[in-house]
Amino acid sequence: MEQRIYFTDKTLILTDSPSNCEAHYRLAESEFSRAKIVKIFETFNIIEVVGDSVEQLFERLLTMFKYVEAAGGLVENERGESLMMYRRGRWDLPKGHVEPFESDEVCAVREVEEETGVKGIEIGEFLCNTYHVYSVYGVWELKRTAWYAMYVKSDVALVPQMEEGIERVCWCSATEVADNLKHSFPTIVDVFAHKKR
């Protein structure tokens, strides 16, 4: 079993069975700390922490960061096109923080509507959770994002939420999605991989 946590384009892997990949930096469980992870990522792109329990490693990781929850959606239209948005130089999917007393599903639909202007969303199956770490004004946060498949039956006007840094929102064919994922985040690649299952 393993759990992946992304630091932009770098990957922390918590696992109970070590890989044979020489490109991975193997960090001893006894040295597992936020400072050590950040330092190693200056040189390596992948860190692997091996322990008896991935759940226990993850619980330990949660103590190192401020934990936040978000939700988002992978929206398809009747033509099988996927809704993607371009923000801060990368292709992304709509998502945002879960409000107090709000379910992941309600949050996901709300965020898609707010960030893209899409209305009439039908929420489908849960796809996956992704985890990524980032620093906001010196505070390190670990964000869990719950992703859902979503569908819309008709074309609607797409309106990018400019105040969120979204420059463009568009429907993308499978070929366009594949090209856009080359200029996206590992978390978004993971979401599309779960959709194909």
Protein backbone atom coordinates (compact mmCIF):
# COMPACT_ATOMS: atom_id res chain seq x y z
CA MET A 1 0.00 0.00 0.00
CA GLU A 2 1.15 3.54 -0.62
CA GLN A 3 -0.03 7.13 -0.27
CA ARG A 4 1.27 9.92 -2.50
CA ILE A 5 1.47 13.52 -1.38
CA TYR A 6 2.57 16.16 -3.87
CA PHE A 7 4.71 19.22 -3.24
CA THR A 8 3.96 20.96 -6.59
CA ASP A 9 5.90 18.68 -8.99
CA LYS A 10 7.72 16.66 -6.33
CA THR A 11 6.32 13.52 -4.72
CA LEU A 12 6.39 12.15 -1.19
CA ILE A 13 5.51 8.45 -1.10
CA LEU A 14 4.48 6.79 2.15
CA THR A 15 4.65 3.04 1.69
CA ASP A 16 4.88 -0.30 3.47
CA SER A 17 6.95 -1.88 0.68
CA PRO A 18 10.05 -0.13 -0.69
CA SER A 19 10.53 0.26 -4.42
CA ASN A 20 13.69 -0.63 -6.33
CA CYS A 21 13.84 2.78 -7.99
CA GLU A 22 17.25 4.38 -7.56
CA ALA A 23 15.81 7.83 -8.34
CA HIS A 24 13.89 7.76 -5.05
CA TYR A 25 15.47 9.15 -1.91
CA ARG A 26 14.77 6.65 0.87
CA LEU A 27 14.08 8.54 4.09
CA ALA A 28 14.25 6.55 7.30
CA GLU A 29 11.05 6.59 9.33
CA SER A 30 13.05 7.84 12.33
CA GLU A 31 14.16 10.93 10.31
CA PHE A 32 10.69 11.69 8.96
CA SER A 33 10.07 15.41 9.55
CA ARG A 34 8.83 18.42 7.61
CA ALA A 35 12.23 20.14 7.72
CA LYS A 36 13.96 17.03 6.41
CA ILE A 37 11.43 16.58 3.58
CA VAL A 38 11.73 20.20 2.45
CA LYS A 39 15.55 20.01 2.53
CA ILE A 40 15.70 16.75 0.54
CA PHE A 41 13.32 18.16 -2.09
CA GLU A 42 16.00 20.75 -2.90
CA THR A 43 17.94 17.91 -4.55
CA PHE A 44 15.51 15.02 -5.19
CA ASN A 45 12.09 14.90 -6.87
CA ILE A 46 10.80 11.78 -5.10
CA ILE A 47 11.12 10.85 -1.44
CA GLU A 48 10.03 7.47 -0.18
CA VAL A 49 9.29 6.81 3.50
CA VAL A 50 8.90 3.14 4.36
CA GLY A 51 7.09 1.98 7.48
CA ASP A 52 5.00 -0.88 8.80
CA SER A 53 1.80 1.16 8.54
CA VAL A 54 1.04 3.72 5.86
CA GLU A 55 -1.86 4.95 7.99
CA GLN A 56 0.49 5.67 10.91
CA LEU A 57 2.95 7.45 8.62
CA PHE A 58 0.12 9.57 7.25
CA GLU A 59 -1.13 10.40 10.76
CA ARG A 60 2.38 11.54 11.61
CA LEU A 61 2.49 13.65 8.45
CA LEU A 62 -0.76 15.36 9.48
CA THR A 63 0.95 16.65 12.64
CA MET A 64 3.54 18.48 10.50
CA PHE A 65 1.13 20.67 8.54
CA LYS A 66 -2.10 22.63 8.87
CA TYR A 67 -4.74 20.28 7.42
CA VAL A 68 -7.36 21.73 5.07
CA GLU A 69 -10.14 20.08 3.08
CA ALA A 70 -11.31 20.89 -0.43
CA ALA A 71 -13.46 19.35 -3.13
CA GLY A 72 -13.71 19.64 -6.89
CA GLY A 73 -15.03 18.11 -10.05
CA LEU A 74 -14.11 16.56 -13.35
CA VAL A 75 -16.99 17.73 -15.54
CA GLU A 76 -17.97 16.14 -18.86
CA ASN A 77 -20.55 17.34 -21.37
CA GLU A 78 -22.77 15.38 -23.77
CA ARG A 79 -19.97 15.23 -26.33
CA GLY A 80 -17.61 13.58 -23.85
CA GLU A 81 -15.45 16.70 -23.58
CA SER A 82 -13.85 17.59 -20.25
CA LEU A 83 -13.99 21.00 -18.62
CA MET A 84 -10.53 22.41 -17.88
CA MET A 85 -9.31 25.81 -16.82
CA TYR A 86 -6.03 27.66 -17.22
CA ARG A 87 -4.72 29.37 -14.10
CA ARG A 88 -1.29 30.73 -13.20
CA GLY A 89 0.42 29.05 -16.13
CA ARG A 90 -1.04 25.56 -15.61
CA TRP A 91 -4.09 23.58 -16.69
CA ASP A 92 -6.27 22.74 -13.73
CA LEU A 93 -9.71 21.55 -12.63
CA PRO A 94 -12.16 23.56 -10.51
CA LYS A 95 -11.92 22.99 -6.77
CA GLY A 96 -12.00 24.91 -3.51
CA HIS A 97 -12.12 24.81 0.26
CA VAL A 98 -14.98 23.08 2.04
CA GLU A 99 -17.01 25.58 4.06
CA PRO A 100 -18.08 24.82 7.67
CA PHE A 101 -20.95 22.29 7.78
CA GLU A 102 -20.70 21.78 3.98
CA SER A 103 -20.42 18.28 2.51
CA ASP A 104 -17.71 17.46 -0.01
CA GLU A 105 -20.35 16.94 -2.71
CA VAL A 106 -22.03 20.31 -2.13
CA CYS A 107 -18.65 22.04 -2.04
CA ALA A 108 -17.53 20.39 -5.28
CA VAL A 109 -20.63 21.52 -7.18
CA ARG A 110 -20.46 25.04 -5.70
CA GLU A 111 -16.80 25.46 -6.59
CA VAL A 112 -17.30 24.26 -10.17
CA GLU A 113 -20.17 26.71 -10.60
CA GLU A 114 -18.22 29.61 -9.07
CA GLU A 115 -14.96 29.04 -10.93
CA THR A 116 -16.35 28.18 -14.38
CA GLY A 117 -19.92 29.50 -14.61
CA VAL A 118 -21.29 26.03 -15.42
CA LYS A 119 -24.87 25.39 -14.26
CA GLY A 120 -27.11 22.33 -14.21
CA ILE A 121 -24.44 20.00 -12.86
CA GLU A 122 -25.27 16.37 -12.13
CA ILE A 123 -22.80 14.93 -9.65
CA GLY A 124 -21.64 11.39 -10.33
CA GLU A 125 -19.32 8.96 -8.61
CA PHE A 126 -16.52 9.80 -6.20
CA LEU A 127 -13.23 9.51 -8.10
CA CYS A 128 -10.43 9.89 -5.55
CA ASN A 129 -8.77 12.00 -2.90
CA THR A 130 -5.58 13.83 -3.77
CA TYR A 131 -3.13 15.39 -1.32
CA HIS A 132 -0.75 18.25 -1.87
CA VAL A 133 1.36 20.48 0.34
CA TYR A 134 2.10 24.16 -0.16
CA SER A 135 3.16 27.21 1.82
CA VAL A 136 0.78 30.17 2.23
CA TYR A 137 2.39 33.23 3.80
CA GLY A 138 4.85 31.01 5.64
CA VAL A 139 2.21 28.52 6.86
CA TRP A 140 2.59 25.00 5.48
CA GLU A 141 -0.75 23.42 4.55
CA LEU A 142 -1.64 19.86 3.59
CA LYS A 143 -4.75 19.92 1.42
CA ARG A 144 -6.97 16.92 0.86
CA THR A 145 -9.17 17.36 -2.21
CA ALA A 146 -12.14 15.05 -2.80
CA TRP A 147 -12.84 14.69 -6.53
CA TYR A 148 -16.15 13.78 -8.17
CA ALA A 149 -17.22 12.97 -11.71
CA MET A 150 -19.80 15.47 -12.93
CA TYR A 151 -21.98 15.83 -16.01
CA VAL A 152 -23.84 18.63 -17.78
CA LYS A 153 -26.41 17.99 -20.50
CA SER A 154 -26.21 21.20 -22.48
CA ASP A 155 -23.75 23.86 -23.49
CA VAL A 156 -23.65 26.75 -21.09
CA ALA A 157 -21.66 29.96 -21.18
CA LEU A 158 -18.29 29.48 -19.53
CA VAL A 159 -17.26 32.34 -17.27
CA PRO A 160 -13.79 32.14 -15.69
CA GLN A 161 -13.60 33.47 -12.14
CA MET A 162 -10.92 36.09 -12.82
CA GLU A 163 -10.48 37.06 -9.16
CA GLU A 164 -9.24 33.50 -8.56
CA GLY A 165 -6.59 33.91 -11.25
CA ILE A 166 -8.49 31.80 -13.80
CA GLU A 167 -7.63 33.10 -17.26
CA ARG A 168 -9.57 30.67 -19.41
CA VAL A 169 -12.19 27.91 -19.13
CA CYS A 170 -12.88 25.56 -22.03
CA TRP A 171 -14.26 22.19 -23.11
CA CYS A 172 -11.43 19.87 -24.17
CA SER A 173 -11.41 16.77 -26.35
CA ALA A 174 -9.48 13.68 -25.18
CA THR A 175 -6.55 14.76 -27.37
CA GLU A 176 -6.59 18.27 -25.89
CA VAL A 177 -6.81 16.86 -22.36
CA ALA A 178 -3.75 14.67 -22.99
CA ASP A 179 -1.82 17.70 -24.24
CA ASN A 180 -3.01 19.92 -21.37
CA LEU A 181 -1.98 17.34 -18.77
CA LYS A 182 1.64 17.84 -19.88
CA HIS A 183 1.26 21.36 -18.46
CA SER A 184 -0.72 20.55 -15.33
CA PHE A 185 -0.18 19.25 -11.79
CA PRO A 186 0.39 15.62 -10.75
CA THR A 187 -2.82 15.75 -8.72
CA ILE A 188 -4.85 16.59 -11.86
CA VAL A 189 -3.16 13.77 -13.78
CA ASP A 190 -4.22 11.43 -10.96
CA VAL A 191 -7.85 12.60 -11.18
CA PHE A 192 -8.02 11.87 -14.90
CA ALA A 193 -6.36 8.48 -14.30
CA HIS A 194 -9.12 7.56 -11.86
CA LYS A 195 -11.78 8.63 -14.38
CA LYS A 196 -10.47 6.11 -16.90
CA ARG A 197 -10.87 3.16 -14.51
